[in-house]
Amino acid sequence: HAADIASVQGSGKYKRAFEGSGAPAEIVLQYPSTLKG
């Protein structure tokens, strides 16, 4: 998953995309199939 390679945890290579405090939002993106996003 994208969240497995790009998150604020761990390496410190990423930061919040939007201003604010606390953990960044995590979303699930649906693809054009019945499989989980």
ModelCIF file with pLDDT and N, C-alpha, C, O atoms, coordinates in Angstrom:
data_MODEL
#
_entry.id   MODEL 
#
_entity.id                         1 
_entity.type                       polymer 
_entity.pdbx_number_of_molecules   1 
#
_entity_poly.entity_id                      1 
_entity_poly.type                           'polypeptide(L)' 
_entity_poly.nstd_linkage                   no 
_entity_poly.nstd_monomer                   no 
_entity_poly.pdbx_seq_one_letter_code       HAADIASVQGSGKYKRAFEGSGAPAEIVLQYPSTLKG 
_entity_poly.pdbx_seq_one_letter_code_can   HAADIASVQGSGKYKRAFEGSGAPAEIVLQYPSTLKG 
_entity_poly.pdbx_strand_id                 A 
#
loop_
_entity_poly_seq.entity_id 
_entity_poly_seq.num 
_entity_poly_seq.mon_id 
_entity_poly_seq.hetero 
1 1  HIS n 
1 2  ALA n 
1 3  ALA n 
1 4  ASP n 
1 5  ILE n 
1 6  ALA n 
1 7  SER n 
1 8  VAL n 
1 9  GLN n 
1 10 GLY n 
1 11 SER n 
1 12 GLY n 
1 13 LYS n 
1 14 TYR n 
1 15 LYS n 
1 16 ARG n 
1 17 ALA n 
1 18 PHE n 
1 19 GLU n 
1 20 GLY n 
1 21 SER n 
1 22 GLY n 
1 23 ALA n 
1 24 PRO n 
1 25 ALA n 
1 26 GLU n 
1 27 ILE n 
1 28 VAL n 
1 29 LEU n 
1 30 GLN n 
1 31 TYR n 
1 32 PRO n 
1 33 SER n 
1 34 THR n 
1 35 LEU n 
1 36 LYS n 
1 37 GLY n 
#
_struct_asym.id          A 
_struct_asym.entity_id   1 
#
loop_
_ma_qa_metric.id 
_ma_qa_metric.mode 
_ma_qa_metric.name 
_ma_qa_metric.software_group_id 
_ma_qa_metric.type 
1 global pLDDT . pLDDT 
2 local  pLDDT . pLDDT 
#
_ma_qa_metric_global.metric_id      1 
_ma_qa_metric_global.metric_value   92.00 
_ma_qa_metric_global.model_id       1 
_ma_qa_metric_global.ordinal_id     1 
#
loop_
_ma_qa_metric_local.label_asym_id 
_ma_qa_metric_local.label_comp_id 
_ma_qa_metric_local.label_seq_id 
_ma_qa_metric_local.metric_id 
_ma_qa_metric_local.metric_value 
_ma_qa_metric_local.model_id 
_ma_qa_metric_local.ordinal_id 
A HIS 1  2 97.00 1 1  
A ALA 2  2 97.00 1 2  
A ALA 3  2 96.00 1 3  
A ASP 4  2 95.00 1 4  
A ILE 5  2 95.00 1 5  
A ALA 6  2 94.00 1 6  
A SER 7  2 93.00 1 7  
A VAL 8  2 91.00 1 8  
A GLN 9  2 86.00 1 9  
A GLY 10 2 74.00 1 10 
A SER 11 2 76.00 1 11 
A GLY 12 2 87.00 1 12 
A LYS 13 2 92.00 1 13 
A TYR 14 2 94.00 1 14 
A LYS 15 2 94.00 1 15 
A ARG 16 2 94.00 1 16 
A ALA 17 2 94.00 1 17 
A PHE 18 2 94.00 1 18 
A GLU 19 2 89.00 1 19 
A GLY 20 2 83.00 1 20 
A SER 21 2 80.00 1 21 
A GLY 22 2 84.00 1 22 
A ALA 23 2 88.00 1 23 
A PRO 24 2 92.00 1 24 
A ALA 25 2 93.00 1 25 
A GLU 26 2 96.00 1 26 
A ILE 27 2 97.00 1 27 
A VAL 28 2 97.00 1 28 
A LEU 29 2 98.00 1 29 
A GLN 30 2 97.00 1 30 
A TYR 31 2 97.00 1 31 
A PRO 32 2 97.00 1 32 
A SER 33 2 96.00 1 33 
A THR 34 2 95.00 1 34 
A LEU 35 2 94.00 1 35 
A LYS 36 2 93.00 1 36 
A GLY 37 2 95.00 1 37 
#
loop_
_atom_site.group_PDB 
_atom_site.id 
_atom_site.type_symbol 
_atom_site.label_atom_id 
_atom_site.label_alt_id 
_atom_site.label_comp_id 
_atom_site.label_asym_id 
_atom_site.label_entity_id 
_atom_site.label_seq_id 
_atom_site.pdbx_PDB_ins_code 
_atom_site.Cartn_x 
_atom_site.Cartn_y 
_atom_site.Cartn_z 
_atom_site.occupancy 
_atom_site.B_iso_or_equiv 
_atom_site.pdbx_formal_charge 
_atom_site.auth_seq_id 
_atom_site.auth_comp_id 
_atom_site.auth_asym_id 
_atom_site.auth_atom_id 
_atom_site.pdbx_PDB_model_num 
ATOM 1   N N  . HIS A 1 1  ? 0.840   -1.198 0.000   1.00 97.00 ? 1  HIS A N  1 
ATOM 2   C CA . HIS A 1 1  ? 0.000   0.000  0.000   1.00 97.00 ? 1  HIS A CA 1 
ATOM 3   C C  . HIS A 1 1  ? 0.880   1.254  0.000   1.00 97.00 ? 1  HIS A C  1 
ATOM 4   O O  . HIS A 1 1  ? 2.011   1.233  0.486   1.00 97.00 ? 1  HIS A O  1 
ATOM 5   N N  . ALA A 1 2  ? 0.348   2.327  -0.545  1.00 97.00 ? 2  ALA A N  1 
ATOM 6   C CA . ALA A 1 2  ? 1.089   3.591  -0.537  1.00 97.00 ? 2  ALA A CA 1 
ATOM 7   C C  . ALA A 1 2  ? 1.462   3.998  0.882   1.00 97.00 ? 2  ALA A C  1 
ATOM 8   O O  . ALA A 1 2  ? 2.544   4.538  1.112   1.00 97.00 ? 2  ALA A O  1 
ATOM 9   N N  . ALA A 1 3  ? 0.569   3.741  1.830   1.00 96.00 ? 3  ALA A N  1 
ATOM 10  C CA . ALA A 1 3  ? 0.847   4.107  3.223   1.00 96.00 ? 3  ALA A CA 1 
ATOM 11  C C  . ALA A 1 3  ? 1.995   3.299  3.816   1.00 96.00 ? 3  ALA A C  1 
ATOM 12  O O  . ALA A 1 3  ? 2.561   3.689  4.837   1.00 96.00 ? 3  ALA A O  1 
ATOM 13  N N  . ASP A 1 4  ? 2.346   2.168  3.182   1.00 95.00 ? 4  ASP A N  1 
ATOM 14  C CA . ASP A 1 4  ? 3.464   1.357  3.668   1.00 95.00 ? 4  ASP A CA 1 
ATOM 15  C C  . ASP A 1 4  ? 4.807   1.968  3.301   1.00 95.00 ? 4  ASP A C  1 
ATOM 16  O O  . ASP A 1 4  ? 5.805   1.728  3.981   1.00 95.00 ? 4  ASP A O  1 
ATOM 17  N N  . ILE A 1 5  ? 4.840   2.747  2.240   1.00 95.00 ? 5  ILE A N  1 
ATOM 18  C CA . ILE A 1 5  ? 6.116   3.322  1.803   1.00 95.00 ? 5  ILE A CA 1 
ATOM 19  C C  . ILE A 1 5  ? 6.191   4.829  1.990   1.00 95.00 ? 5  ILE A C  1 
ATOM 20  O O  . ILE A 1 5  ? 7.263   5.417  1.842   1.00 95.00 ? 5  ILE A O  1 
ATOM 21  N N  . ALA A 1 6  ? 5.071   5.463  2.313   1.00 94.00 ? 6  ALA A N  1 
ATOM 22  C CA . ALA A 1 6  ? 5.060   6.920  2.473   1.00 94.00 ? 6  ALA A CA 1 
ATOM 23  C C  . ALA A 1 6  ? 4.187   7.294  3.664   1.00 94.00 ? 6  ALA A C  1 
ATOM 24  O O  . ALA A 1 6  ? 2.962   7.345  3.555   1.00 94.00 ? 6  ALA A O  1 
ATOM 25  N N  . SER A 1 7  ? 4.824   7.554  4.800   1.00 93.00 ? 7  SER A N  1 
ATOM 26  C CA . SER A 1 7  ? 4.098   7.938  6.006   1.00 93.00 ? 7  SER A CA 1 
ATOM 27  C C  . SER A 1 7  ? 5.007   8.807  6.869   1.00 93.00 ? 7  SER A C  1 
ATOM 28  O O  . SER A 1 7  ? 6.210   8.896  6.623   1.00 93.00 ? 7  SER A O  1 
ATOM 29  N N  . VAL A 1 8  ? 4.437   9.435  7.860   1.00 91.00 ? 8  VAL A N  1 
ATOM 30  C CA . VAL A 1 8  ? 5.239   10.301 8.734   1.00 91.00 ? 8  VAL A CA 1 
ATOM 31  C C  . VAL A 1 8  ? 5.992   9.489  9.774   1.00 91.00 ? 8  VAL A C  1 
ATOM 32  O O  . VAL A 1 8  ? 6.894   10.011 10.430  1.00 91.00 ? 8  VAL A O  1 
ATOM 33  N N  . GLN A 1 9  ? 5.643   8.242  9.932   1.00 86.00 ? 9  GLN A N  1 
ATOM 34  C CA . GLN A 1 9  ? 6.342   7.403  10.889  1.00 86.00 ? 9  GLN A CA 1 
ATOM 35  C C  . GLN A 1 9  ? 7.672   6.932  10.302  1.00 86.00 ? 9  GLN A C  1 
ATOM 36  O O  . GLN A 1 9  ? 7.817   6.805  9.086   1.00 86.00 ? 9  GLN A O  1 
ATOM 37  N N  . GLY A 1 10 ? 8.616   6.680  11.164  1.00 74.00 ? 10 GLY A N  1 
ATOM 38  C CA . GLY A 1 10 ? 9.843   6.023  10.732  1.00 74.00 ? 10 GLY A CA 1 
ATOM 39  C C  . GLY A 1 10 ? 10.925  6.957  10.250  1.00 74.00 ? 10 GLY A C  1 
ATOM 40  O O  . GLY A 1 10 ? 11.526  7.665  11.058  1.00 74.00 ? 10 GLY A O  1 
ATOM 41  N N  . SER A 1 11 ? 11.190  6.982  8.965   1.00 76.00 ? 11 SER A N  1 
ATOM 42  C CA . SER A 1 11 ? 12.400  7.596  8.409   1.00 76.00 ? 11 SER A CA 1 
ATOM 43  C C  . SER A 1 11 ? 12.433  9.117  8.492   1.00 76.00 ? 11 SER A C  1 
ATOM 44  O O  . SER A 1 11 ? 13.509  9.710  8.414   1.00 76.00 ? 11 SER A O  1 
ATOM 45  N N  . GLY A 1 12 ? 11.287  9.756  8.647   1.00 87.00 ? 12 GLY A N  1 
ATOM 46  C CA . GLY A 1 12 ? 11.255  11.215 8.651   1.00 87.00 ? 12 GLY A CA 1 
ATOM 47  C C  . GLY A 1 12 ? 11.339  11.828 7.266   1.00 87.00 ? 12 GLY A C  1 
ATOM 48  O O  . GLY A 1 12 ? 11.566  13.030 7.132   1.00 87.00 ? 12 GLY A O  1 
ATOM 49  N N  . LYS A 1 13 ? 11.155  11.007 6.225   1.00 92.00 ? 13 LYS A N  1 
ATOM 50  C CA . LYS A 1 13 ? 11.228  11.516 4.857   1.00 92.00 ? 13 LYS A CA 1 
ATOM 51  C C  . LYS A 1 13 ? 9.948   12.220 4.420   1.00 92.00 ? 13 LYS A C  1 
ATOM 52  O O  . LYS A 1 13 ? 9.927   12.877 3.379   1.00 92.00 ? 13 LYS A O  1 
ATOM 53  N N  . TYR A 1 14 ? 8.877   12.087 5.212   1.00 94.00 ? 14 TYR A N  1 
ATOM 54  C CA . TYR A 1 14 ? 7.585   12.653 4.811   1.00 94.00 ? 14 TYR A CA 1 
ATOM 55  C C  . TYR A 1 14 ? 7.044   13.587 5.887   1.00 94.00 ? 14 TYR A C  1 
ATOM 56  O O  . TYR A 1 14 ? 7.367   13.453 7.067   1.00 94.00 ? 14 TYR A O  1 
ATOM 57  N N  . LYS A 1 15 ? 6.220   14.528 5.460   1.00 94.00 ? 15 LYS A N  1 
ATOM 58  C CA . LYS A 1 15 ? 5.544   15.450 6.370   1.00 94.00 ? 15 LYS A CA 1 
ATOM 59  C C  . LYS A 1 15 ? 4.089   15.587 5.931   1.00 94.00 ? 15 LYS A C  1 
ATOM 60  O O  . LYS A 1 15 ? 3.717   15.166 4.836   1.00 94.00 ? 15 LYS A O  1 
ATOM 61  N N  . ARG A 1 16 ? 3.290   16.171 6.783   1.00 94.00 ? 16 ARG A N  1 
ATOM 62  C CA . ARG A 1 16 ? 1.873   16.361 6.468   1.00 94.00 ? 16 ARG A CA 1 
ATOM 63  C C  . ARG A 1 16 ? 1.717   17.135 5.159   1.00 94.00 ? 16 ARG A C  1 
ATOM 64  O O  . ARG A 1 16 ? 2.452   18.087 4.896   1.00 94.00 ? 16 ARG A O  1 
ATOM 65  N N  . ALA A 1 17 ? 0.750   16.714 4.348   1.00 94.00 ? 17 ALA A N  1 
ATOM 66  C CA . ALA A 1 17 ? 0.479   17.435 3.105   1.00 94.00 ? 17 ALA A CA 1 
ATOM 67  C C  . ALA A 1 17 ? -0.302  18.711 3.362   1.00 94.00 ? 17 ALA A C  1 
ATOM 68  O O  . ALA A 1 17 ? -0.148  19.703 2.650   1.00 94.00 ? 17 ALA A O  1 
ATOM 69  N N  . PHE A 1 18 ? -1.137  18.675 4.383   1.00 94.00 ? 18 PHE A N  1 
ATOM 70  C CA . PHE A 1 18 ? -1.980  19.827 4.701   1.00 94.00 ? 18 PHE A CA 1 
ATOM 71  C C  . PHE A 1 18 ? -1.615  20.347 6.085   1.00 94.00 ? 18 PHE A C  1 
ATOM 72  O O  . PHE A 1 18 ? -1.195  19.584 6.955   1.00 94.00 ? 18 PHE A O  1 
ATOM 73  N N  . GLU A 1 19 ? -1.776  21.625 6.275   1.00 89.00 ? 19 GLU A N  1 
ATOM 74  C CA . GLU A 1 19 ? -1.445  22.221 7.565   1.00 89.00 ? 19 GLU A CA 1 
ATOM 75  C C  . GLU A 1 19 ? -2.325  21.652 8.663   1.00 89.00 ? 19 GLU A C  1 
ATOM 76  O O  . GLU A 1 19 ? -3.480  21.290 8.434   1.00 89.00 ? 19 GLU A O  1 
ATOM 77  N N  . GLY A 1 20 ? -1.766  21.581 9.848   1.00 83.00 ? 20 GLY A N  1 
ATOM 78  C CA . GLY A 1 20 ? -2.513  21.062 10.981  1.00 83.00 ? 20 GLY A CA 1 
ATOM 79  C C  . GLY A 1 20 ? -1.576  20.367 11.944  1.00 83.00 ? 20 GLY A C  1 
ATOM 80  O O  . GLY A 1 20 ? -0.370  20.281 11.713  1.00 83.00 ? 20 GLY A O  1 
ATOM 81  N N  . SER A 1 21 ? -2.137  19.885 13.005  1.00 80.00 ? 21 SER A N  1 
ATOM 82  C CA . SER A 1 21 ? -1.347  19.192 14.019  1.00 80.00 ? 21 SER A CA 1 
ATOM 83  C C  . SER A 1 21 ? -1.831  17.748 14.117  1.00 80.00 ? 21 SER A C  1 
ATOM 84  O O  . SER A 1 21 ? -2.904  17.394 13.629  1.00 80.00 ? 21 SER A O  1 
ATOM 85  N N  . GLY A 1 22 ? -1.023  16.944 14.748  1.00 84.00 ? 22 GLY A N  1 
ATOM 86  C CA . GLY A 1 22 ? -1.379  15.545 14.906  1.00 84.00 ? 22 GLY A CA 1 
ATOM 87  C C  . GLY A 1 22 ? -1.048  14.731 13.666  1.00 84.00 ? 22 GLY A C  1 
ATOM 88  O O  . GLY A 1 22 ? -0.398  15.211 12.737  1.00 84.00 ? 22 GLY A O  1 
ATOM 89  N N  . ALA A 1 23 ? -1.506  13.500 13.676  1.00 88.00 ? 23 ALA A N  1 
ATOM 90  C CA . ALA A 1 23 ? -1.207  12.590 12.563  1.00 88.00 ? 23 ALA A CA 1 
ATOM 91  C C  . ALA A 1 23 ? -1.960  13.018 11.306  1.00 88.00 ? 23 ALA A C  1 
ATOM 92  O O  . ALA A 1 23 ? -3.088  13.501 11.400  1.00 88.00 ? 23 ALA A O  1 
ATOM 93  N N  . PRO A 1 24 ? -1.359  12.849 10.145  1.00 92.00 ? 24 PRO A N  1 
ATOM 94  C CA . PRO A 1 24 ? -2.059  13.180 8.903   1.00 92.00 ? 24 PRO A CA 1 
ATOM 95  C C  . PRO A 1 24 ? -3.204  12.211 8.669   1.00 92.00 ? 24 PRO A C  1 
ATOM 96  O O  . PRO A 1 24 ? -3.200  11.092 9.182   1.00 92.00 ? 24 PRO A O  1 
ATOM 97  N N  . ALA A 1 25 ? -4.173  12.645 7.897   1.00 93.00 ? 25 ALA A N  1 
ATOM 98  C CA . ALA A 1 25 ? -5.306  11.772 7.587   1.00 93.00 ? 25 ALA A CA 1 
ATOM 99  C C  . ALA A 1 25 ? -4.842  10.580 6.761   1.00 93.00 ? 25 ALA A C  1 
ATOM 100 O O  . ALA A 1 25 ? -3.891  10.675 5.985   1.00 93.00 ? 25 ALA A O  1 
ATOM 101 N N  . GLU A 1 26 ? -5.527  9.460  6.941   1.00 96.00 ? 26 GLU A N  1 
ATOM 102 C CA . GLU A 1 26 ? -5.282  8.285  6.107   1.00 96.00 ? 26 GLU A CA 1 
ATOM 103 C C  . GLU A 1 26 ? -6.586  7.951  5.397   1.00 96.00 ? 26 GLU A C  1 
ATOM 104 O O  . GLU A 1 26 ? -7.643  7.878  6.024   1.00 96.00 ? 26 GLU A O  1 
ATOM 105 N N  . ILE A 1 27 ? -6.506  7.751  4.108   1.00 97.00 ? 27 ILE A N  1 
ATOM 106 C CA . ILE A 1 27 ? -7.699  7.453  3.318   1.00 97.00 ? 27 ILE A CA 1 
ATOM 107 C C  . ILE A 1 27 ? -7.546  6.091  2.649   1.00 97.00 ? 27 ILE A C  1 
ATOM 108 O O  . ILE A 1 27 ? -6.448  5.540  2.569   1.00 97.00 ? 27 ILE A O  1 
ATOM 109 N N  . VAL A 1 28 ? -8.659  5.568  2.176   1.00 97.00 ? 28 VAL A N  1 
ATOM 110 C CA . VAL A 1 28 ? -8.650  4.365  1.340   1.00 97.00 ? 28 VAL A CA 1 
ATOM 111 C C  . VAL A 1 28 ? -9.178  4.781  -0.021  1.00 97.00 ? 28 VAL A C  1 
ATOM 112 O O  . VAL A 1 28 ? -10.255 5.369  -0.123  1.00 97.00 ? 28 VAL A O  1 
ATOM 113 N N  . LEU A 1 29 ? -8.423  4.477  -1.062  1.00 98.00 ? 29 LEU A N  1 
ATOM 114 C CA . LEU A 1 29 ? -8.803  4.838  -2.423  1.00 98.00 ? 29 LEU A CA 1 
ATOM 115 C C  . LEU A 1 29 ? -9.324  3.602  -3.145  1.00 98.00 ? 29 LEU A C  1 
ATOM 116 O O  . LEU A 1 29 ? -8.645  2.578  -3.216  1.00 98.00 ? 29 LEU A O  1 
ATOM 117 N N  . GLN A 1 30 ? -10.546 3.713  -3.684  1.00 97.00 ? 30 GLN A N  1 
ATOM 118 C CA . GLN A 1 30 ? -11.150 2.588  -4.379  1.00 97.00 ? 30 GLN A CA 1 
ATOM 119 C C  . GLN A 1 30 ? -10.676 2.527  -5.830  1.00 97.00 ? 30 GLN A C  1 
ATOM 120 O O  . GLN A 1 30 ? -10.547 3.551  -6.500  1.00 97.00 ? 30 GLN A O  1 
ATOM 121 N N  . TYR A 1 31 ? -10.421 1.312  -6.297  1.00 97.00 ? 31 TYR A N  1 
ATOM 122 C CA . TYR A 1 31 ? -10.044 1.092  -7.694  1.00 97.00 ? 31 TYR A CA 1 
ATOM 123 C C  . TYR A 1 31 ? -11.230 0.473  -8.426  1.00 97.00 ? 31 TYR A C  1 
ATOM 124 O O  . TYR A 1 31 ? -12.189 0.044  -7.785  1.00 97.00 ? 31 TYR A O  1 
ATOM 125 N N  . PRO A 1 32 ? -11.183 0.420  -9.756  1.00 97.00 ? 32 PRO A N  1 
ATOM 126 C CA . PRO A 1 32 ? -12.341 -0.055 -10.535 1.00 97.00 ? 32 PRO A CA 1 
ATOM 127 C C  . PRO A 1 32 ? -12.480 -1.580 -10.537 1.00 97.00 ? 32 PRO A C  1 
ATOM 128 O O  . PRO A 1 32 ? -12.361 -2.228 -11.577 1.00 97.00 ? 32 PRO A O  1 
ATOM 129 N N  . SER A 1 33 ? -12.732 -2.133 -9.360  1.00 96.00 ? 33 SER A N  1 
ATOM 130 C CA . SER A 1 33 ? -12.956 -3.564 -9.185  1.00 96.00 ? 33 SER A CA 1 
ATOM 131 C C  . SER A 1 33 ? -13.684 -3.747 -7.857  1.00 96.00 ? 33 SER A C  1 
ATOM 132 O O  . SER A 1 33 ? -13.921 -2.778 -7.135  1.00 96.00 ? 33 SER A O  1 
ATOM 133 N N  . THR A 1 34 ? -14.036 -4.983 -7.538  1.00 95.00 ? 34 THR A N  1 
ATOM 134 C CA . THR A 1 34 ? -14.717 -5.224 -6.257  1.00 95.00 ? 34 THR A CA 1 
ATOM 135 C C  . THR A 1 34 ? -13.729 -5.393 -5.113  1.00 95.00 ? 34 THR A C  1 
ATOM 136 O O  . THR A 1 34 ? -14.143 -5.541 -3.964  1.00 95.00 ? 34 THR A O  1 
ATOM 137 N N  . LEU A 1 35 ? -12.438 -5.373 -5.401  1.00 94.00 ? 35 LEU A N  1 
ATOM 138 C CA . LEU A 1 35 ? -11.425 -5.612 -4.379  1.00 94.00 ? 35 LEU A CA 1 
ATOM 139 C C  . LEU A 1 35 ? -11.258 -4.399 -3.475  1.00 94.00 ? 35 LEU A C  1 
ATOM 140 O O  . LEU A 1 35 ? -11.525 -3.267 -3.877  1.00 94.00 ? 35 LEU A O  1 
ATOM 141 N N  . LYS A 1 36 ? -10.816 -4.650 -2.264  1.00 93.00 ? 36 LYS A N  1 
ATOM 142 C CA . LYS A 1 36 ? -10.635 -3.559 -1.317  1.00 93.00 ? 36 LYS A CA 1 
ATOM 143 C C  . LYS A 1 36 ? -9.573  -2.599 -1.824  1.00 93.00 ? 36 LYS A C  1 
ATOM 144 O O  . LYS A 1 36 ? -8.618  -3.002 -2.489  1.00 93.00 ? 36 LYS A O  1 
ATOM 145 N N  . GLY A 1 37 ? -9.752  -1.325 -1.502  1.00 95.00 ? 37 GLY A N  1 
ATOM 146 C CA . GLY A 1 37 ? -8.889  -0.279 -2.032  1.00 95.00 ? 37 GLY A CA 1 
ATOM 147 C C  . GLY A 1 37 ? -7.542  -0.184 -1.355  1.00 95.00 ? 37 GLY A C  1 
ATOM 148 O O  . GLY A 1 37 ? -6.727  0.664  -1.720  1.00 95.00 ? 37 GLY A O  1 
#
